[in-house]
Amino acid sequence: MSEENAEISCSVFQKQEPVIKDITAKINNAKGVLEKAEFAEELQREVNILLSCPDYNQGNTDCSNCRFIANVRGKTAALIIKVKKLS
């Protein structure tokens, strides 16, 4: 499943998705590691909202897909933050 075609029926996901996409675009357009890391920290905060969803239901496909996407995005943010610490 590609992110662009994700149809997840969840108000929390629908609210967070445009915010996360905006932050991701900022990371992609940022020039330096420090600037990217600032946006990555912001991304991590927004992803944590999805990961701490009080309505999470392991048996729900939408929840599973949301959790998978959020985990990938969280790992990406963590990687960018790690690169900042190494530089």
C-alpha atoms as a PDB file:
ATOM      1  CA  MET A   1       0.000   0.000   0.000  1.00  0.00           C
ATOM      2  CA  SER A   2       1.473   3.358  -0.952  1.00  0.00           C
ATOM      3  CA  GLU A   3       0.993   6.359   1.285  1.00  0.00           C
ATOM      4  CA  GLU A   4      -0.511   8.430  -1.518  1.00  0.00           C
ATOM      5  CA  ASN A   5      -3.364   5.949  -1.939  1.00  0.00           C
ATOM      6  CA  ALA A   6      -4.008   5.437   1.771  1.00  0.00           C
ATOM      7  CA  GLU A   7      -7.692   5.653   2.561  1.00  0.00           C
ATOM      8  CA  ILE A   8      -7.851   5.388   6.316  1.00  0.00           C
ATOM      9  CA  SER A   9     -11.233   6.084   7.871  1.00  0.00           C
ATOM     10  CA  CYS A  10     -10.196   7.709  11.115  1.00  0.00           C
ATOM     11  CA  SER A  11     -10.732  11.269  12.290  1.00  0.00           C
ATOM     12  CA  VAL A  12      -7.372  11.355  14.083  1.00  0.00           C
ATOM     13  CA  PHE A  13      -5.513  10.164  10.971  1.00  0.00           C
ATOM     14  CA  GLN A  14      -7.459  12.529   8.696  1.00  0.00           C
ATOM     15  CA  LYS A  15      -6.575  15.458  10.970  1.00  0.00           C
ATOM     16  CA  GLN A  16      -2.877  14.541  11.321  1.00  0.00           C
ATOM     17  CA  GLU A  17      -2.199  13.514   7.716  1.00  0.00           C
ATOM     18  CA  PRO A  18      -2.104  17.020   6.163  1.00  0.00           C
ATOM     19  CA  VAL A  19       0.023  18.293   9.049  1.00  0.00           C
ATOM     20  CA  ILE A  20       2.486  15.410   8.650  1.00  0.00           C
ATOM     21  CA  LYS A  21       2.636  15.809   4.872  1.00  0.00           C
ATOM     22  CA  ASP A  22       3.382  19.521   5.299  1.00  0.00           C
ATOM     23  CA  ILE A  23       6.222  18.810   7.735  1.00  0.00           C
ATOM     24  CA  THR A  24       7.579  16.099   5.410  1.00  0.00           C
ATOM     25  CA  ALA A  25       7.637  18.597   2.542  1.00  0.00           C
ATOM     26  CA  LYS A  26       9.540  21.041   4.769  1.00  0.00           C
ATOM     27  CA  ILE A  27      12.097  18.327   5.590  1.00  0.00           C
ATOM     28  CA  ASN A  28      12.527  17.541   1.903  1.00  0.00           C
ATOM     29  CA  ASN A  29      13.008  21.222   1.038  1.00  0.00           C
ATOM     30  CA  ALA A  30      15.328  22.037   3.950  1.00  0.00           C
ATOM     31  CA  LYS A  31      18.929  22.653   2.931  1.00  0.00           C
ATOM     32  CA  GLY A  32      20.989  21.701   5.963  1.00  0.00           C
ATOM     33  CA  VAL A  33      20.997  18.904   8.497  1.00  0.00           C
ATOM     34  CA  LEU A  34      20.139  21.247  11.360  1.00  0.00           C
ATOM     35  CA  GLU A  35      17.089  22.606   9.570  1.00  0.00           C
ATOM     36  CA  LYS A  36      15.971  19.099   8.594  1.00  0.00           C
ATOM     37  CA  ALA A  37      16.408  17.945  12.203  1.00  0.00           C
ATOM     38  CA  GLU A  38      14.218  20.760  13.514  1.00  0.00           C
ATOM     39  CA  PHE A  39      11.415  19.654  11.224  1.00  0.00           C
ATOM     40  CA  ALA A  40      12.090  16.001  12.076  1.00  0.00           C
ATOM     41  CA  GLU A  41      11.536  16.757  15.766  1.00  0.00           C
ATOM     42  CA  GLU A  42       8.241  18.407  14.838  1.00  0.00           C
ATOM     43  CA  LEU A  43       7.366  15.360  12.717  1.00  0.00           C
ATOM     44  CA  GLN A  44       8.106  13.063  15.635  1.00  0.00           C
ATOM     45  CA  ARG A  45       5.696  14.989  17.865  1.00  0.00           C
ATOM     46  CA  GLU A  46       2.919  14.751  15.277  1.00  0.00           C
ATOM     47  CA  VAL A  47       3.561  11.047  14.651  1.00  0.00           C
ATOM     48  CA  ASN A  48       3.383  10.409  18.404  1.00  0.00           C
ATOM     49  CA  ILE A  49      -0.200  11.683  18.321  1.00  0.00           C
ATOM     50  CA  LEU A  50      -1.053   8.842  15.937  1.00  0.00           C
ATOM     51  CA  LEU A  51       0.934   6.285  17.905  1.00  0.00           C
ATOM     52  CA  SER A  52      -0.810   7.219  21.149  1.00  0.00           C
ATOM     53  CA  CYS A  53      -4.323   7.172  19.659  1.00  0.00           C
ATOM     54  CA  PRO A  54      -6.826   6.258  22.385  1.00  0.00           C
ATOM     55  CA  ASP A  55      -9.110   4.617  19.803  1.00  0.00           C
ATOM     56  CA  TYR A  56      -6.443   2.201  18.521  1.00  0.00           C
ATOM     57  CA  ASN A  57      -7.862  -1.258  17.813  1.00  0.00           C
ATOM     58  CA  GLN A  58      -5.343  -3.900  16.758  1.00  0.00           C
ATOM     59  CA  GLY A  59      -8.044  -5.852  14.893  1.00  0.00           C
ATOM     60  CA  ASN A  60      -9.021  -2.851  12.741  1.00  0.00           C
ATOM     61  CA  THR A  61      -7.258  -2.698   9.357  1.00  0.00           C
ATOM     62  CA  ASP A  62      -7.358   1.118   9.322  1.00  0.00           C
ATOM     63  CA  CYS A  63      -5.680   1.193  12.727  1.00  0.00           C
ATOM     64  CA  SER A  64      -3.026  -1.313  11.623  1.00  0.00           C
ATOM     65  CA  ASN A  65      -2.284   0.673   8.469  1.00  0.00           C
ATOM     66  CA  CYS A  66      -2.154   3.945  10.390  1.00  0.00           C
ATOM     67  CA  ARG A  67       0.197   2.447  12.990  1.00  0.00           C
ATOM     68  CA  PHE A  68       2.455   1.043  10.242  1.00  0.00           C
ATOM     69  CA  ILE A  69       2.669   4.400   8.425  1.00  0.00           C
ATOM     70  CA  ALA A  70       3.233   6.260  11.701  1.00  0.00           C
ATOM     71  CA  ASN A  71       6.034   3.876  12.702  1.00  0.00           C
ATOM     72  CA  VAL A  72       7.817   4.326   9.368  1.00  0.00           C
ATOM     73  CA  ARG A  73       7.541   8.098   9.640  1.00  0.00           C
ATOM     74  CA  GLY A  74       8.737   8.009  13.242  1.00  0.00           C
ATOM     75  CA  LYS A  75      11.791   5.947  12.284  1.00  0.00           C
ATOM     76  CA  THR A  76      12.569   8.367   9.476  1.00  0.00           C
ATOM     77  CA  ALA A  77      12.376  11.310  11.874  1.00  0.00           C
ATOM     78  CA  ALA A  78      14.598   9.503  14.389  1.00  0.00           C
ATOM     79  CA  LEU A  79      17.171   8.806  11.680  1.00  0.00           C
ATOM     80  CA  ILE A  80      17.338  12.471  10.664  1.00  0.00           C
ATOM     81  CA  ILE A  81      17.725  13.505  14.309  1.00  0.00           C
ATOM     82  CA  LYS A  82      20.544  10.948  14.714  1.00  0.00           C
ATOM     83  CA  VAL A  83      22.363  12.400  11.706  1.00  0.00           C
ATOM     84  CA  LYS A  84      22.192  15.827  13.376  1.00  0.00           C
ATOM     85  CA  LYS A  85      23.836  14.424  16.505  1.00  0.00           C
ATOM     86  CA  LEU A  86      26.614  12.858  14.403  1.00  0.00           C
ATOM     87  CA  SER A  87      27.402  16.066  12.555  1.00  0.00           C
END
